Protein backbone atom coordinates (compact mmCIF):
# COMPACT_ATOMS: atom_id res chain seq x y z
CA UNK A 1 -22.51 -1.98 5.45
CA UNK A 2 -22.19 1.60 4.18
CA UNK A 3 -22.87 2.92 7.69
CA UNK A 4 -20.07 0.76 9.11
CA UNK A 5 -17.68 1.94 6.40
CA UNK A 6 -18.44 5.60 7.12
CA UNK A 7 -18.14 5.20 10.89
CA UNK A 8 -14.79 3.43 10.53
CA UNK A 9 -13.48 6.27 8.38
CA UNK A 10 -14.69 8.88 10.88
CA UNK A 11 -12.85 7.09 13.68
CA UNK A 12 -9.60 6.25 11.88
CA UNK A 13 -9.09 9.22 9.56
CA UNK A 14 -8.40 11.83 12.28
CA UNK A 15 -5.81 9.50 13.82
CA UNK A 16 -4.06 9.02 10.47
CA UNK A 17 -4.09 12.78 9.80
CA UNK A 18 -2.72 13.50 13.28
CA UNK A 19 0.19 11.09 12.84
CA UNK A 20 0.91 12.46 9.37
CA UNK A 21 0.84 16.01 10.76
CA UNK A 22 3.31 15.13 13.53
CA UNK A 23 5.54 13.19 11.14
CA UNK A 24 8.99 12.06 12.20
CA UNK A 25 9.33 9.13 14.57
CA UNK A 26 5.60 8.92 15.49
CA UNK A 27 4.66 8.60 11.81
CA UNK A 28 7.37 5.99 11.22
CA UNK A 29 6.18 4.03 14.26
CA UNK A 30 2.61 4.22 12.96
CA UNK A 31 3.68 2.91 9.55
CA UNK A 32 5.67 0.14 11.26
CA UNK A 33 2.61 -0.84 13.34
CA UNK A 34 0.50 -0.98 10.19
CA UNK A 35 3.20 -3.09 8.55
CA UNK A 36 3.23 -5.53 11.46
CA UNK A 37 -0.55 -5.95 11.38
CA UNK A 38 -0.53 -6.29 7.59
CA UNK A 39 2.19 -8.95 7.87
CA UNK A 40 0.01 -10.93 10.27
CA UNK A 41 -2.82 -10.80 7.73
CA UNK A 42 -0.46 -11.68 4.89
CA UNK A 43 0.88 -14.76 6.68
CA UNK A 44 -2.65 -16.02 7.32
CA UNK A 45 -3.53 -15.57 3.63
CA UNK A 46 -0.43 -17.43 2.52
CA UNK A 47 -0.87 -20.23 5.03
CA UNK A 48 -4.44 -20.73 3.82
CA UNK A 49 -2.87 -21.14 0.36
CA UNK A 50 -0.64 -23.91 1.77
CA UNK A 51 2.58 -21.90 1.92
CA UNK A 52 4.92 -22.13 4.91
CA UNK A 53 5.78 -18.59 6.06
CA UNK A 54 8.65 -17.51 8.29
CA UNK A 55 6.74 -15.03 10.46
CA UNK A 56 9.74 -13.73 12.40
CA UNK A 57 12.09 -13.18 9.46
CA UNK A 58 9.46 -11.37 7.41
CA UNK A 59 8.42 -9.15 10.31
CA UNK A 60 12.01 -8.22 11.13
CA UNK A 61 12.68 -7.25 7.50
CA UNK A 62 9.52 -5.13 7.27
CA UNK A 63 10.32 -3.23 10.46
CA UNK A 64 13.97 -2.81 9.46
CA UNK A 65 13.06 -1.51 5.97
CA UNK A 66 10.72 1.11 7.44
CA UNK A 67 13.30 2.14 10.06
CA UNK A 68 15.98 2.39 7.38
CA UNK A 69 13.74 4.63 5.26
CA UNK A 70 13.26 7.00 8.19
CA UNK A 71 16.93 7.09 9.21
CA UNK A 72 18.08 7.82 5.66
CA UNK A 73 15.30 10.28 4.74
CA UNK A 74 15.81 12.18 8.00
CA UNK A 75 19.54 12.44 7.30
CA UNK A 76 20.52 10.46 10.40
CA UNK A 77 22.23 7.83 8.25
CA UNK A 78 23.88 8.87 4.99
CA UNK A 79 24.50 5.46 3.46
CA UNK A 80 22.03 3.12 1.77
CA UNK A 81 21.24 0.34 4.23
CA UNK A 82 18.41 -1.18 2.23
CA UNK A 83 20.67 -3.22 -0.03
CA UNK A 84 22.42 -4.93 2.92
CA UNK A 85 18.98 -5.59 4.45
CA UNK A 86 17.81 -7.17 1.21
CA UNK A 87 20.95 -9.30 0.98
CA UNK A 88 20.41 -10.41 4.57
CA UNK A 89 16.81 -11.32 3.81
CA UNK A 90 17.86 -13.47 0.83
CA UNK A 91 20.64 -15.20 2.76
CA UNK A 92 18.62 -15.83 5.93
CA UNK A 93 15.57 -17.06 4.03
CA UNK A 94 17.67 -19.47 1.94
CA UNK A 95 19.32 -20.85 5.06
CA UNK A 96 15.86 -21.29 6.54
CA UNK A 97 14.73 -23.07 3.35
CA UNK A 98 17.43 -25.69 3.88
CA UNK A 99 15.54 -26.83 6.96
CA UNK A 100 12.16 -26.82 5.19
CA UNK A 101 11.07 -30.46 4.88
CA UNK A 102 7.95 -29.73 2.84
CA UNK A 103 7.51 -30.91 -0.75
CA UNK A 104 8.25 -27.47 -2.25
CA UNK A 105 10.80 -25.59 -0.09
CA UNK A 106 11.84 -23.32 -2.96
CA UNK A 107 8.24 -22.14 -3.43
CA UNK A 108 8.04 -21.32 0.28
CA UNK A 109 11.37 -19.50 0.04
CA UNK A 110 10.20 -17.42 -2.93
CA UNK A 111 6.90 -16.48 -1.28
CA UNK A 112 8.71 -15.46 1.91
CA UNK A 113 11.00 -13.15 -0.05
CA UNK A 114 8.21 -11.69 -2.17
CA UNK A 115 5.69 -11.06 0.60
CA UNK A 116 8.19 -9.48 3.00
CA UNK A 117 9.63 -7.32 0.21
CA UNK A 118 6.15 -6.26 -0.91
CA UNK A 119 5.20 -4.94 2.52
CA UNK A 120 8.59 -3.71 3.72
CA UNK A 121 9.76 -1.94 0.57
CA UNK A 122 6.41 -0.48 -0.46
CA UNK A 123 5.54 0.76 3.03
CA UNK A 124 8.96 2.42 3.35
CA UNK A 125 7.76 4.97 0.79
CA UNK A 126 5.12 6.21 3.25
CA UNK A 127 8.02 7.34 5.45
CA UNK A 128 10.24 8.59 2.63
CA UNK A 129 7.46 10.78 1.22
CA UNK A 130 6.60 12.27 4.63
CA UNK A 131 10.23 13.17 5.33
CA UNK A 132 10.40 15.51 2.35
CA UNK A 133 10.57 19.24 3.09
CA UNK A 134 6.88 19.53 2.12
CA UNK A 135 6.14 15.92 2.95
CA UNK A 136 2.90 16.51 4.84
CA UNK A 137 1.29 18.08 1.78
CA UNK A 138 2.47 15.26 -0.47
CA UNK A 139 1.21 12.60 1.94
CA UNK A 140 -2.21 14.27 2.15
CA UNK A 141 -2.22 14.55 -1.64
CA UNK A 142 -1.42 10.83 -2.00
CA UNK A 143 -4.14 9.78 0.42
CA UNK A 144 -6.74 12.19 -0.94
CA UNK A 145 -6.17 11.36 -4.62
CA UNK A 146 -6.10 7.60 -4.04
CA UNK A 147 -9.17 7.59 -1.82
CA UNK A 148 -11.06 9.87 -4.21
CA UNK A 149 -10.49 7.33 -6.97
CA UNK A 150 -11.36 4.38 -4.75
CA UNK A 151 -14.57 6.01 -3.50
CA UNK A 152 -15.79 6.99 -6.95
CA UNK A 153 -14.94 3.54 -8.32
CA UNK A 154 -17.00 1.95 -5.53
CA UNK A 155 -20.10 4.10 -5.93
CA UNK A 156 -20.06 4.15 -9.74
CA UNK A 157 -19.47 0.40 -9.79
CA UNK A 158 -22.32 -0.28 -7.36
CA UNK A 159 -24.80 1.96 -9.15
CA UNK A 160 -23.85 1.53 -12.81
CA UNK A 161 -21.50 -1.43 -13.03
CA UNK A 162 -22.47 -4.12 -15.52
CA UNK A 163 -19.30 -5.18 -17.32
CA UNK A 164 -16.79 -7.12 -15.21
CA UNK A 165 -13.26 -5.79 -15.35
CA UNK A 166 -11.38 -8.89 -14.18
CA UNK A 167 -13.84 -11.54 -13.03
CA UNK A 168 -11.16 -14.18 -12.41
CA UNK A 169 -9.56 -11.97 -9.75
CA UNK A 170 -12.27 -9.59 -8.52
CA UNK A 171 -15.81 -10.40 -9.66
CA UNK A 172 -17.29 -7.15 -8.32
CA UNK A 173 -14.89 -4.75 -10.02
CA UNK A 174 -16.30 -3.30 -13.25
CA UNK A 175 -15.21 -1.25 -16.22
CA UNK A 176 -17.79 1.36 -15.22
CA UNK A 177 -16.18 1.62 -11.79
CA UNK A 178 -12.75 2.01 -13.40
CA UNK A 179 -14.12 4.76 -15.66
CA UNK A 180 -15.48 6.54 -12.59
CA UNK A 181 -12.11 6.23 -10.88
CA UNK A 182 -10.21 7.58 -13.87
CA UNK A 183 -12.63 10.49 -14.33
CA UNK A 184 -12.53 11.46 -10.66
CA UNK A 185 -8.72 11.29 -10.51
CA UNK A 186 -8.40 13.38 -13.68
CA UNK A 187 -10.51 16.05 -11.97
CA UNK A 188 -8.96 15.74 -8.51
CA UNK A 189 -5.36 15.47 -9.70
CA UNK A 190 -5.04 19.04 -11.05
CA UNK A 191 -7.24 20.57 -8.33
CA UNK A 192 -5.62 18.88 -5.34
CA UNK A 193 -2.19 19.09 -6.96
CA UNK A 194 -2.35 22.86 -7.45
CA UNK A 195 -3.78 23.42 -3.96
CA UNK A 196 -1.58 21.09 -1.93
CA UNK A 197 1.74 20.66 -3.73
CA UNK A 198 1.84 23.37 -6.39
CA UNK A 199 2.00 21.23 -9.52
CA UNK A 200 0.61 22.48 -12.83
CA UNK A 201 -2.49 21.23 -14.65
CA UNK A 202 -0.66 18.83 -16.96
CA UNK A 203 1.29 17.33 -14.11
CA UNK A 204 -1.97 16.97 -12.17
CA UNK A 205 -3.65 15.22 -15.09
CA UNK A 206 -0.70 12.85 -15.50
CA UNK A 207 -0.48 11.86 -11.85
CA UNK A 208 -4.27 11.56 -11.69
CA UNK A 209 -4.30 9.09 -14.56
CA UNK A 210 -1.38 7.11 -13.17
CA UNK A 211 -2.91 6.91 -9.70
CA UNK A 212 -6.21 5.66 -11.13
CA UNK A 213 -4.50 2.94 -13.16
CA UNK A 214 -1.92 1.83 -10.58
CA UNK A 215 -4.44 2.07 -7.75
CA UNK A 216 -6.65 -0.38 -9.61
CA UNK A 217 -3.76 -2.79 -10.10
CA UNK A 218 -2.85 -2.46 -6.43
CA UNK A 219 -6.42 -3.41 -5.52
CA UNK A 220 -6.34 -6.37 -7.88
CA UNK A 221 -3.00 -7.57 -6.51
CA UNK A 222 -4.44 -7.98 -3.00
CA UNK A 223 -7.61 -9.48 -4.48
CA UNK A 224 -5.39 -12.13 -6.09
CA UNK A 225 -3.96 -13.08 -2.70
CA UNK A 226 -7.44 -13.29 -1.19
CA UNK A 227 -8.74 -15.28 -4.15
CA UNK A 228 -5.93 -17.83 -3.68
CA UNK A 229 -6.86 -18.12 0.00
CA UNK A 230 -10.60 -18.34 -0.82
CA UNK A 231 -11.60 -15.50 1.49
CA UNK A 232 -13.32 -12.16 0.91
CA UNK A 233 -11.37 -9.92 3.32
CA UNK A 234 -7.85 -10.14 4.75
CA UNK A 235 -9.38 -9.86 8.25
CA UNK A 236 -12.33 -8.29 10.07
CA UNK A 237 -10.25 -5.70 11.91
CA UNK A 238 -11.95 -2.61 10.44
CA UNK A 239 -15.77 -2.81 10.39
CA UNK A 240 -17.11 -2.38 6.87
CA UNK A 241 -13.63 -2.37 5.33
CA UNK A 242 -12.06 -5.71 6.20
CA UNK A 243 -8.41 -5.77 7.21
CA UNK A 244 -5.37 -3.55 6.96
CA UNK A 245 -4.34 -5.17 3.67
CA UNK A 246 -7.77 -4.37 2.26
CA UNK A 247 -7.24 -0.68 3.08
CA UNK A 248 -3.63 -0.62 1.89
CA UNK A 249 -4.18 -2.31 -1.48
CA UNK A 250 -4.31 0.78 -3.72
CA UNK A 251 -2.02 2.84 -1.51
CA UNK A 252 0.77 0.28 -1.77
CA UNK A 253 1.09 1.12 -5.46
CA UNK A 254 0.23 4.82 -5.41
CA UNK A 255 2.54 5.93 -2.58
CA UNK A 256 5.75 4.76 -4.35
CA UNK A 257 4.45 6.35 -7.55
CA UNK A 258 3.82 9.70 -5.88
CA UNK A 259 7.10 9.52 -3.95
CA UNK A 260 9.12 9.36 -7.18
CA UNK A 261 6.79 11.78 -8.96
CA UNK A 262 7.43 14.31 -6.17
CA UNK A 263 11.17 13.75 -6.56
CA UNK A 264 10.97 14.46 -10.30
CA UNK A 265 8.72 17.52 -10.22
CA UNK A 266 9.96 19.09 -6.98
CA UNK A 267 13.43 17.64 -6.43
CA UNK A 268 14.92 17.02 -3.00
């Protein structure tokens, strides 16, 4: 299992770094591709939980939200197009709900809105952050800090974990693993922050703590979806890691956090 996890990282990480380095349209296309795959996994999870999902509407919104983030962050479009997209999603999904003959059409409508918004809006921050003047450094910082916390949580949890953190949602996650994640992020935050993006020690400690906490909640949020569907992984796409949703879980919470943190501490 560990060997498969390491091999998958060695294969995928250079590709992710290359796309992040290039930035621009290739990075946005990469994020959109990830969003499309994640949406496929999301729809399967929700369908296993007996929800009816509008695959086409959700996919179109996700792709449009990511494209809008690129066009606006790159300065190609000056106006905010996300609000019209969101209004269109609400209107179209409600019209679709009128034709839903299931017992709970409003529940299906709500889950369609929530799941498409979760992936489309949260993933748009991957593009927004990269399009900053020093976006590459911030993207690497976001990945490195989040993955440092995840890795330490995994190994500390496996070796020392005894007290379950949230057994109803994720029976393998422990308080010891969380402590390892917090400690590692408090160390990595100031070090990586000073090296990559030029933030001071206190700012590094703050973002390290926030990433550790929000990353854990991001992990638990996807675990909740999988628990409802009674499956362990969102798919078997990545050997040793599961699916795209399994790899995005923490990042979906930490990338928006770091995007707005960067805006506050660096402006622009």
